[in-house]
Amino acid sequence: MAIYVCELCGYEYDPKNGDPEHGIPEKTEFEDLPDNFECPLCGAAKVDFEKVRDDSEE
């Protein structure tokens, strides 16, 4: 599962955890998030996230 980080504020989206506070269940891959997904900390768009590592490649 790939980890993505918001380039604007550094928020880290880990699909293992999802984001239950914002209605995103555990094990939701970043690619499966809706196109209108926004960073829960700063409101950045999904396109403002960068893949930083992929745990499945280890």
PDB file of N, CA and C in Angstrom:
ATOM      1  N   MET A   1       0.851  -1.182   0.000  1.00  0.00           N
ATOM      2  CA  MET A   1       0.000   0.000   0.000  1.00  0.00           C
ATOM      3  C   MET A   1       0.892   1.240   0.000  1.00  0.00           C
ATOM      4  N   ALA A   2       0.608   2.138  -0.910  1.00  0.00           N
ATOM      5  CA  ALA A   2       1.436   3.324  -1.072  1.00  0.00           C
ATOM      6  C   ALA A   2       1.046   4.418  -0.088  1.00  0.00           C
ATOM      7  N   ILE A   3       2.040   5.121   0.410  1.00  0.00           N
ATOM      8  CA  ILE A   3       1.853   6.255   1.305  1.00  0.00           C
ATOM      9  C   ILE A   3       1.965   7.530   0.465  1.00  0.00           C
ATOM     10  N   TYR A   4       1.031   8.445   0.667  1.00  0.00           N
ATOM     11  CA  TYR A   4       1.031   9.725  -0.057  1.00  0.00           C
ATOM     12  C   TYR A   4       1.096  10.864   0.946  1.00  0.00           C
ATOM     13  N   VAL A   5       1.822  11.923   0.581  1.00  0.00           N
ATOM     14  CA  VAL A   5       1.992  13.078   1.460  1.00  0.00           C
ATOM     15  C   VAL A   5       1.523  14.332   0.727  1.00  0.00           C
ATOM     16  N   CYS A   6       0.807  15.183   1.454  1.00  0.00           N
ATOM     17  CA  CYS A   6       0.373  16.466   0.917  1.00  0.00           C
ATOM     18  C   CYS A   6       1.602  17.345   0.751  1.00  0.00           C
ATOM     19  N   GLU A   7       1.807  17.839  -0.467  1.00  0.00           N
ATOM     20  CA  GLU A   7       2.972  18.677  -0.737  1.00  0.00           C
ATOM     21  C   GLU A   7       2.873  20.047  -0.079  1.00  0.00           C
ATOM     22  N   LEU A   8       1.678  20.450   0.331  1.00  0.00           N
ATOM     23  CA  LEU A   8       1.506  21.779   0.915  1.00  0.00           C
ATOM     24  C   LEU A   8       1.709  21.799   2.424  1.00  0.00           C
ATOM     25  N   CYS A   9       1.214  20.766   3.134  1.00  0.00           N
ATOM     26  CA  CYS A   9       1.304  20.813   4.597  1.00  0.00           C
ATOM     27  C   CYS A   9       1.997  19.606   5.225  1.00  0.00           C
ATOM     28  N   GLY A  10       2.258  18.559   4.444  1.00  0.00           N
ATOM     29  CA  GLY A  10       2.954  17.399   4.990  1.00  0.00           C
ATOM     30  C   GLY A  10       2.055  16.322   5.563  1.00  0.00           C
ATOM     31  N   TYR A  11       0.720  16.489   5.471  1.00  0.00           N
ATOM     32  CA  TYR A  11      -0.197  15.445   5.940  1.00  0.00           C
ATOM     33  C   TYR A  11       0.102  14.149   5.206  1.00  0.00           C
ATOM     34  N   GLU A  12       0.185  13.047   5.942  1.00  0.00           N
ATOM     35  CA  GLU A  12       0.502  11.747   5.360  1.00  0.00           C
ATOM     36  C   GLU A  12      -0.747  10.885   5.318  1.00  0.00           C
ATOM     37  N   TYR A  13      -1.109  10.445   4.103  1.00  0.00           N
ATOM     38  CA  TYR A  13      -2.243   9.530   3.956  1.00  0.00           C
ATOM     39  C   TYR A  13      -1.708   8.116   3.859  1.00  0.00           C
ATOM     40  N   ASP A  14      -2.074   7.293   4.837  1.00  0.00           N
ATOM     41  CA  ASP A  14      -1.671   5.889   4.873  1.00  0.00           C
ATOM     42  C   ASP A  14      -2.931   5.051   4.696  1.00  0.00           C
ATOM     43  N   PRO A  15      -3.039   4.309   3.580  1.00  0.00           N
ATOM     44  CA  PRO A  15      -4.254   3.543   3.338  1.00  0.00           C
ATOM     45  C   PRO A  15      -4.524   2.472   4.389  1.00  0.00           C
ATOM     46  N   LYS A  16      -3.502   2.025   5.094  1.00  0.00           N
ATOM     47  CA  LYS A  16      -3.728   1.045   6.165  1.00  0.00           C
ATOM     48  C   LYS A  16      -4.663   1.618   7.224  1.00  0.00           C
ATOM     49  N   ASN A  17      -4.529   2.916   7.474  1.00  0.00           N
ATOM     50  CA  ASN A  17      -5.336   3.574   8.498  1.00  0.00           C
ATOM     51  C   ASN A  17      -6.570   4.251   7.927  1.00  0.00           C
ATOM     52  N   GLY A  18      -6.524   4.627   6.645  1.00  0.00           N
ATOM     53  CA  GLY A  18      -7.610   5.419   6.072  1.00  0.00           C
ATOM     54  C   GLY A  18      -7.694   6.756   6.790  1.00  0.00           C
ATOM     55  N   ASP A  19      -8.880   7.298   6.859  1.00  0.00           N
ATOM     56  CA  ASP A  19      -9.121   8.540   7.599  1.00  0.00           C
ATOM     57  C   ASP A  19     -10.547   8.486   8.135  1.00  0.00           C
ATOM     58  N   PRO A  20     -10.774   7.623   9.151  1.00  0.00           N
ATOM     59  CA  PRO A  20     -12.131   7.412   9.663  1.00  0.00           C
ATOM     60  C   PRO A  20     -12.832   8.688  10.124  1.00  0.00           C
ATOM     61  N   GLU A  21     -12.062   9.663  10.618  1.00  0.00           N
ATOM     62  CA  GLU A  21     -12.668  10.922  11.061  1.00  0.00           C
ATOM     63  C   GLU A  21     -13.352  11.658   9.921  1.00  0.00           C
ATOM     64  N   HIS A  22     -12.914  11.379   8.684  1.00  0.00           N
ATOM     65  CA  HIS A  22     -13.464  12.044   7.512  1.00  0.00           C
ATOM     66  C   HIS A  22     -14.176  11.071   6.581  1.00  0.00           C
ATOM     67  N   GLY A  23     -14.583   9.913   7.118  1.00  0.00           N
ATOM     68  CA  GLY A  23     -15.398   8.965   6.367  1.00  0.00           C
ATOM     69  C   GLY A  23     -14.650   8.063   5.410  1.00  0.00           C
ATOM     70  N   ILE A  24     -13.336   7.955   5.562  1.00  0.00           N
ATOM     71  CA  ILE A  24     -12.555   7.082   4.684  1.00  0.00           C
ATOM     72  C   ILE A  24     -12.120   5.858   5.484  1.00  0.00           C
ATOM     73  N   PRO A  25     -12.667   4.693   5.148  1.00  0.00           N
ATOM     74  CA  PRO A  25     -12.354   3.488   5.923  1.00  0.00           C
ATOM     75  C   PRO A  25     -10.918   3.004   5.743  1.00  0.00           C
ATOM     76  N   GLU A  26     -10.461   2.183   6.679  1.00  0.00           N
ATOM     77  CA  GLU A  26      -9.143   1.563   6.598  1.00  0.00           C
ATOM     78  C   GLU A  26      -9.018   0.799   5.286  1.00  0.00           C
ATOM     79  N   LYS A  27      -7.788   0.681   4.809  1.00  0.00           N
ATOM     80  CA  LYS A  27      -7.448  -0.073   3.604  1.00  0.00           C
ATOM     81  C   LYS A  27      -8.024   0.530   2.322  1.00  0.00           C
ATOM     82  N   THR A  28      -8.307   1.838   2.341  1.00  0.00           N
ATOM     83  CA  THR A  28      -8.743   2.529   1.127  1.00  0.00           C
ATOM     84  C   THR A  28      -7.510   3.081   0.425  1.00  0.00           C
ATOM     85  N   GLU A  29      -7.197   2.515  -0.739  1.00  0.00           N
ATOM     86  CA  GLU A  29      -6.039   2.970  -1.504  1.00  0.00           C
ATOM     87  C   GLU A  29      -6.233   4.420  -1.933  1.00  0.00           C
ATOM     88  N   PHE A  30      -5.149   5.152  -2.052  1.00  0.00           N
ATOM     89  CA  PHE A  30      -5.214   6.557  -2.449  1.00  0.00           C
ATOM     90  C   PHE A  30      -5.916   6.702  -3.801  1.00  0.00           C
ATOM     91  N   GLU A  31      -5.627   5.806  -4.717  1.00  0.00           N
ATOM     92  CA  GLU A  31      -6.225   5.859  -6.046  1.00  0.00           C
ATOM     93  C   GLU A  31      -7.741   5.695  -5.994  1.00  0.00           C
ATOM     94  N   ASP A  32      -8.244   5.062  -4.937  1.00  0.00           N
ATOM     95  CA  ASP A  32      -9.680   4.819  -4.794  1.00  0.00           C
ATOM     96  C   ASP A  32     -10.416   5.965  -4.103  1.00  0.00           C
ATOM     97  N   LEU A  33      -9.678   6.956  -3.632  1.00  0.00           N
ATOM     98  CA  LEU A  33     -10.325   8.115  -3.023  1.00  0.00           C
ATOM     99  C   LEU A  33     -11.052   8.900  -4.116  1.00  0.00           C
ATOM    100  N   PRO A  34     -12.140   9.571  -3.777  1.00  0.00           N
ATOM    101  CA  PRO A  34     -12.852  10.346  -4.801  1.00  0.00           C
ATOM    102  C   PRO A  34     -11.969  11.458  -5.378  1.00  0.00           C
ATOM    103  N   ASP A  35     -12.246  11.840  -6.606  1.00  0.00           N
ATOM    104  CA  ASP A  35     -11.455  12.883  -7.269  1.00  0.00           C
ATOM    105  C   ASP A  35     -11.514  14.205  -6.522  1.00  0.00           C
ATOM    106  N   ASN A  36     -12.588  14.414  -5.764  1.00  0.00           N
ATOM    107  CA  ASN A  36     -12.730  15.676  -5.024  1.00  0.00           C
ATOM    108  C   ASN A  36     -12.167  15.578  -3.603  1.00  0.00           C
ATOM    109  N   PHE A  37     -11.391  14.523  -3.322  1.00  0.00           N
ATOM    110  CA  PHE A  37     -10.739  14.374  -2.018  1.00  0.00           C
ATOM    111  C   PHE A  37      -9.871  15.590  -1.746  1.00  0.00           C
ATOM    112  N   GLU A  38      -9.931  16.080  -0.517  1.00  0.00           N
ATOM    113  CA  GLU A  38      -9.091  17.200  -0.088  1.00  0.00           C
ATOM    114  C   GLU A  38      -8.323  16.812   1.159  1.00  0.00           C
ATOM    115  N   CYS A  39      -7.160  17.386   1.317  1.00  0.00           N
ATOM    116  CA  CYS A  39      -6.358  17.176   2.513  1.00  0.00           C
ATOM    117  C   CYS A  39      -7.182  17.623   3.721  1.00  0.00           C
ATOM    118  N   PRO A  40      -7.315  16.763   4.732  1.00  0.00           N
ATOM    119  CA  PRO A  40      -8.111  17.141   5.896  1.00  0.00           C
ATOM    120  C   PRO A  40      -7.484  18.248   6.744  1.00  0.00           C
ATOM    121  N   LEU A  41      -6.199  18.523   6.542  1.00  0.00           N
ATOM    122  CA  LEU A  41      -5.548  19.576   7.325  1.00  0.00           C
ATOM    123  C   LEU A  41      -5.568  20.932   6.643  1.00  0.00           C
ATOM    124  N   CYS A  42      -5.279  20.954   5.329  1.00  0.00           N
ATOM    125  CA  CYS A  42      -5.146  22.254   4.663  1.00  0.00           C
ATOM    126  C   CYS A  42      -6.093  22.454   3.484  1.00  0.00           C
ATOM    127  N   GLY A  43      -6.833  21.416   3.091  1.00  0.00           N
ATOM    128  CA  GLY A  43      -7.788  21.552   2.002  1.00  0.00           C
ATOM    129  C   GLY A  43      -7.188  21.420   0.614  1.00  0.00           C
ATOM    130  N   ALA A  44      -5.924  20.986   0.515  1.00  0.00           N
ATOM    131  CA  ALA A  44      -5.285  20.815  -0.790  1.00  0.00           C
ATOM    132  C   ALA A  44      -5.997  19.730  -1.589  1.00  0.00           C
ATOM    133  N   ALA A  45      -5.962  19.870  -2.903  1.00  0.00           N
ATOM    134  CA  ALA A  45      -6.597  18.909  -3.801  1.00  0.00           C
ATOM    135  C   ALA A  45      -5.799  17.600  -3.855  1.00  0.00           C
ATOM    136  N   LYS A  46      -6.462  16.554  -4.324  1.00  0.00           N
ATOM    137  CA  LYS A  46      -5.831  15.236  -4.454  1.00  0.00           C
ATOM    138  C   LYS A  46      -4.566  15.297  -5.313  1.00  0.00           C
ATOM    139  N   VAL A  47      -4.556  16.151  -6.321  1.00  0.00           N
ATOM    140  CA  VAL A  47      -3.390  16.266  -7.206  1.00  0.00           C
ATOM    141  C   VAL A  47      -2.182  16.870  -6.496  1.00  0.00           C
ATOM    142  N   ASP A  48      -2.391  17.437  -5.319  1.00  0.00           N
ATOM    143  CA  ASP A  48      -1.294  18.029  -4.551  1.00  0.00           C
ATOM    144  C   ASP A  48      -0.616  17.027  -3.624  1.00  0.00           C
ATOM    145  N   PHE A  49      -0.938  15.752  -3.779  1.00  0.00           N
ATOM    146  CA  PHE A  49      -0.312  14.698  -2.986  1.00  0.00           C
ATOM    147  C   PHE A  49       0.738  13.994  -3.827  1.00  0.00           C
ATOM    148  N   GLU A  50       1.807  13.580  -3.161  1.00  0.00           N
ATOM    149  CA  GLU A  50       2.898  12.891  -3.847  1.00  0.00           C
ATOM    150  C   GLU A  50       3.136  11.541  -3.185  1.00  0.00           C
ATOM    151  N   LYS A  51       3.310  10.525  -3.992  1.00  0.00           N
ATOM    152  CA  LYS A  51       3.627   9.183  -3.490  1.00  0.00           C
ATOM    153  C   LYS A  51       5.044   9.206  -2.937  1.00  0.00           C
ATOM    154  N   VAL A  52       5.209   8.815  -1.669  1.00  0.00           N
ATOM    155  CA  VAL A  52       6.535   8.860  -1.063  1.00  0.00           C
ATOM    156  C   VAL A  52       7.145   7.483  -0.860  1.00  0.00           C
ATOM    157  N   ARG A  53       6.309   6.485  -0.681  1.00  0.00           N
ATOM    158  CA  ARG A  53       6.831   5.115  -0.586  1.00  0.00           C
ATOM    159  C   ARG A  53       5.693   4.123  -0.783  1.00  0.00           C
ATOM    160  N   ASP A  54       6.084   2.913  -1.112  1.00  0.00           N
ATOM    161  CA  ASP A  54       5.103   1.862  -1.334  1.00  0.00           C
ATOM    162  C   ASP A  54       5.515   0.671  -0.486  1.00  0.00           C
ATOM    163  N   ASP A  55       4.790   0.428   0.592  1.00  0.00           N
ATOM    164  CA  ASP A  55       5.135  -0.652   1.513  1.00  0.00           C
ATOM    165  C   ASP A  55       5.073  -2.018   0.861  1.00  0.00           C
ATOM    166  N   SER A  56       4.300  -2.172  -0.228  1.00  0.00           N
ATOM    167  CA  SER A  56       4.199  -3.471  -0.887  1.00  0.00           C
ATOM    168  C   SER A  56       5.455  -3.793  -1.682  1.00  0.00           C
ATOM    169  N   GLU A  57       6.320  -2.799  -1.907  1.00  0.00           N
ATOM    170  CA  GLU A  57       7.557  -3.023  -2.653  1.00  0.00           C
ATOM    171  C   GLU A  57       8.693  -3.482  -1.756  1.00  0.00           C
ATOM    172  N   GLU A  58       8.466  -3.480  -0.447  1.00  0.00           N
ATOM    173  CA  GLU A  58       9.535  -3.870   0.488  1.00  0.00           C
ATOM    174  C   GLU A  58       9.634  -5.366   0.618  1.00  0.00           C
TER     175      GLU A  58
END
